[in-house]
Amino acid sequence: MDEVTQAINHFSVLMEDQNAKLNAVLEQLGDLPKIQDFRRLEGKVDSIDQRLGTVEAAVKATNRDLTALDQRVTGLEAA
């Protein structure tokens, strides 16, 4: 076998090894979540954030109402 043939054979073996490694990486990447999954989660988080803002506003309003009621009751008790 001449040098060129040996070099080609050696290169072929190296390329087969690299292909096997790349295929293993691609197989592992297949298990990763897709960008659509992240976008779907982002939408859910945005929705939860909006709902949380509504709940926060309701709690603040209720606290104001309770404070006002407490002041009125305290005023009536003092009278």
C-alpha atoms as a PDB file:
ATOM      1  CA  MET A   1       0.000   0.000   0.000  1.00  0.00           C
ATOM      2  CA  ASP A   2       1.428   3.374  -0.935  1.00  0.00           C
ATOM      3  CA  GLU A   3       1.494   6.437   1.325  1.00  0.00           C
ATOM      4  CA  VAL A   4      -1.489   8.114  -0.328  1.00  0.00           C
ATOM      5  CA  THR A   5      -3.687   5.057   0.136  1.00  0.00           C
ATOM      6  CA  GLN A   6      -2.568   4.733   3.754  1.00  0.00           C
ATOM      7  CA  ALA A   7      -3.341   8.410   4.376  1.00  0.00           C
ATOM      8  CA  ILE A   8      -6.782   8.044   2.784  1.00  0.00           C
ATOM      9  CA  ASN A   9      -7.545   4.952   4.879  1.00  0.00           C
ATOM     10  CA  HIS A  10      -6.377   6.694   8.032  1.00  0.00           C
ATOM     11  CA  PHE A  11      -8.498   9.740   7.201  1.00  0.00           C
ATOM     12  CA  SER A  12     -11.520   7.503   6.553  1.00  0.00           C
ATOM     13  CA  VAL A  13     -11.117   5.851   9.950  1.00  0.00           C
ATOM     14  CA  LEU A  14     -10.867   9.254  11.613  1.00  0.00           C
ATOM     15  CA  MET A  15     -13.973  10.488   9.808  1.00  0.00           C
ATOM     16  CA  GLU A  16     -15.958   7.389  10.793  1.00  0.00           C
ATOM     17  CA  ASP A  17     -14.961   7.996  14.410  1.00  0.00           C
ATOM     18  CA  GLN A  18     -16.018  11.644  14.189  1.00  0.00           C
ATOM     19  CA  ASN A  19     -19.324  10.673  12.582  1.00  0.00           C
ATOM     20  CA  ALA A  20     -20.018   8.207  15.398  1.00  0.00           C
ATOM     21  CA  LYS A  21     -19.286  10.905  17.989  1.00  0.00           C
ATOM     22  CA  LEU A  22     -21.484  13.447  16.211  1.00  0.00           C
ATOM     23  CA  ASN A  23     -24.319  10.942  15.938  1.00  0.00           C
ATOM     24  CA  ALA A  24     -24.074  10.306  19.688  1.00  0.00           C
ATOM     25  CA  VAL A  25     -24.256  14.058  20.333  1.00  0.00           C
ATOM     26  CA  LEU A  26     -27.257  14.441  18.022  1.00  0.00           C
ATOM     27  CA  GLU A  27     -29.003  11.579  19.772  1.00  0.00           C
ATOM     28  CA  GLN A  28     -28.519  13.303  23.139  1.00  0.00           C
ATOM     29  CA  LEU A  29     -29.675  16.650  21.751  1.00  0.00           C
ATOM     30  CA  GLY A  30     -32.896  15.017  20.649  1.00  0.00           C
ATOM     31  CA  ASP A  31     -33.858  14.691  24.317  1.00  0.00           C
ATOM     32  CA  LEU A  32     -33.488  18.421  24.983  1.00  0.00           C
ATOM     33  CA  PRO A  33     -36.599  20.611  25.095  1.00  0.00           C
ATOM     34  CA  LYS A  34     -37.390  22.393  21.870  1.00  0.00           C
ATOM     35  CA  ILE A  35     -37.668  26.167  21.472  1.00  0.00           C
ATOM     36  CA  GLN A  36     -41.454  25.783  21.136  1.00  0.00           C
ATOM     37  CA  ASP A  37     -41.540  24.252  24.624  1.00  0.00           C
ATOM     38  CA  PHE A  38     -39.754  27.289  26.031  1.00  0.00           C
ATOM     39  CA  ARG A  39     -42.073  29.690  24.202  1.00  0.00           C
ATOM     40  CA  ARG A  40     -45.097  27.829  25.552  1.00  0.00           C
ATOM     41  CA  LEU A  41     -43.662  28.074  29.075  1.00  0.00           C
ATOM     42  CA  GLU A  42     -42.915  31.758  28.554  1.00  0.00           C
ATOM     43  CA  GLY A  43     -46.567  32.338  27.675  1.00  0.00           C
ATOM     44  CA  LYS A  44     -47.701  30.504  30.795  1.00  0.00           C
ATOM     45  CA  VAL A  45     -45.303  32.516  32.979  1.00  0.00           C
ATOM     46  CA  ASP A  46     -46.597  35.758  31.455  1.00  0.00           C
ATOM     47  CA  SER A  47     -50.169  34.678  32.177  1.00  0.00           C
ATOM     48  CA  ILE A  48     -49.300  33.790  35.773  1.00  0.00           C
ATOM     49  CA  ASP A  49     -47.513  37.125  36.168  1.00  0.00           C
ATOM     50  CA  GLN A  50     -50.625  38.993  34.998  1.00  0.00           C
ATOM     51  CA  ARG A  51     -52.838  37.016  37.382  1.00  0.00           C
ATOM     52  CA  LEU A  52     -50.413  37.664  40.217  1.00  0.00           C
ATOM     53  CA  GLY A  53     -50.653  41.391  39.518  1.00  0.00           C
ATOM     54  CA  THR A  54     -54.444  41.174  39.767  1.00  0.00           C
ATOM     55  CA  VAL A  55     -54.251  39.255  43.041  1.00  0.00           C
ATOM     56  CA  GLU A  56     -51.718  41.739  44.414  1.00  0.00           C
ATOM     57  CA  ALA A  57     -54.017  44.666  43.577  1.00  0.00           C
ATOM     58  CA  ALA A  58     -56.964  42.884  45.228  1.00  0.00           C
ATOM     59  CA  VAL A  59     -54.957  42.204  48.392  1.00  0.00           C
ATOM     60  CA  LYS A  60     -53.849  45.851  48.593  1.00  0.00           C
ATOM     61  CA  ALA A  61     -57.444  47.024  48.155  1.00  0.00           C
ATOM     62  CA  THR A  62     -58.643  44.597  50.827  1.00  0.00           C
ATOM     63  CA  ASN A  63     -55.919  45.814  53.198  1.00  0.00           C
ATOM     64  CA  ARG A  64     -57.034  49.415  52.629  1.00  0.00           C
ATOM     65  CA  ASP A  65     -60.651  48.432  53.288  1.00  0.00           C
ATOM     66  CA  LEU A  66     -59.672  46.596  56.481  1.00  0.00           C
ATOM     67  CA  THR A  67     -57.618  49.546  57.687  1.00  0.00           C
ATOM     68  CA  ALA A  68     -60.529  51.907  57.068  1.00  0.00           C
ATOM     69  CA  LEU A  69     -62.931  49.519  58.814  1.00  0.00           C
ATOM     70  CA  ASP A  70     -60.562  49.174  61.772  1.00  0.00           C
ATOM     71  CA  GLN A  71     -60.364  52.945  62.073  1.00  0.00           C
ATOM     72  CA  ARG A  72     -64.159  53.243  61.998  1.00  0.00           C
ATOM     73  CA  VAL A  73     -64.615  50.504  64.614  1.00  0.00           C
ATOM     74  CA  THR A  74     -61.947  52.091  66.825  1.00  0.00           C
ATOM     75  CA  GLY A  75     -63.709  55.445  66.468  1.00  0.00           C
ATOM     76  CA  LEU A  76     -67.068  53.909  67.396  1.00  0.00           C
ATOM     77  CA  GLU A  77     -65.545  52.109  70.377  1.00  0.00           C
ATOM     78  CA  ALA A  78     -63.992  55.349  71.620  1.00  0.00           C
ATOM     79  CA  ALA A  79     -67.304  57.219  71.328  1.00  0.00           C
END
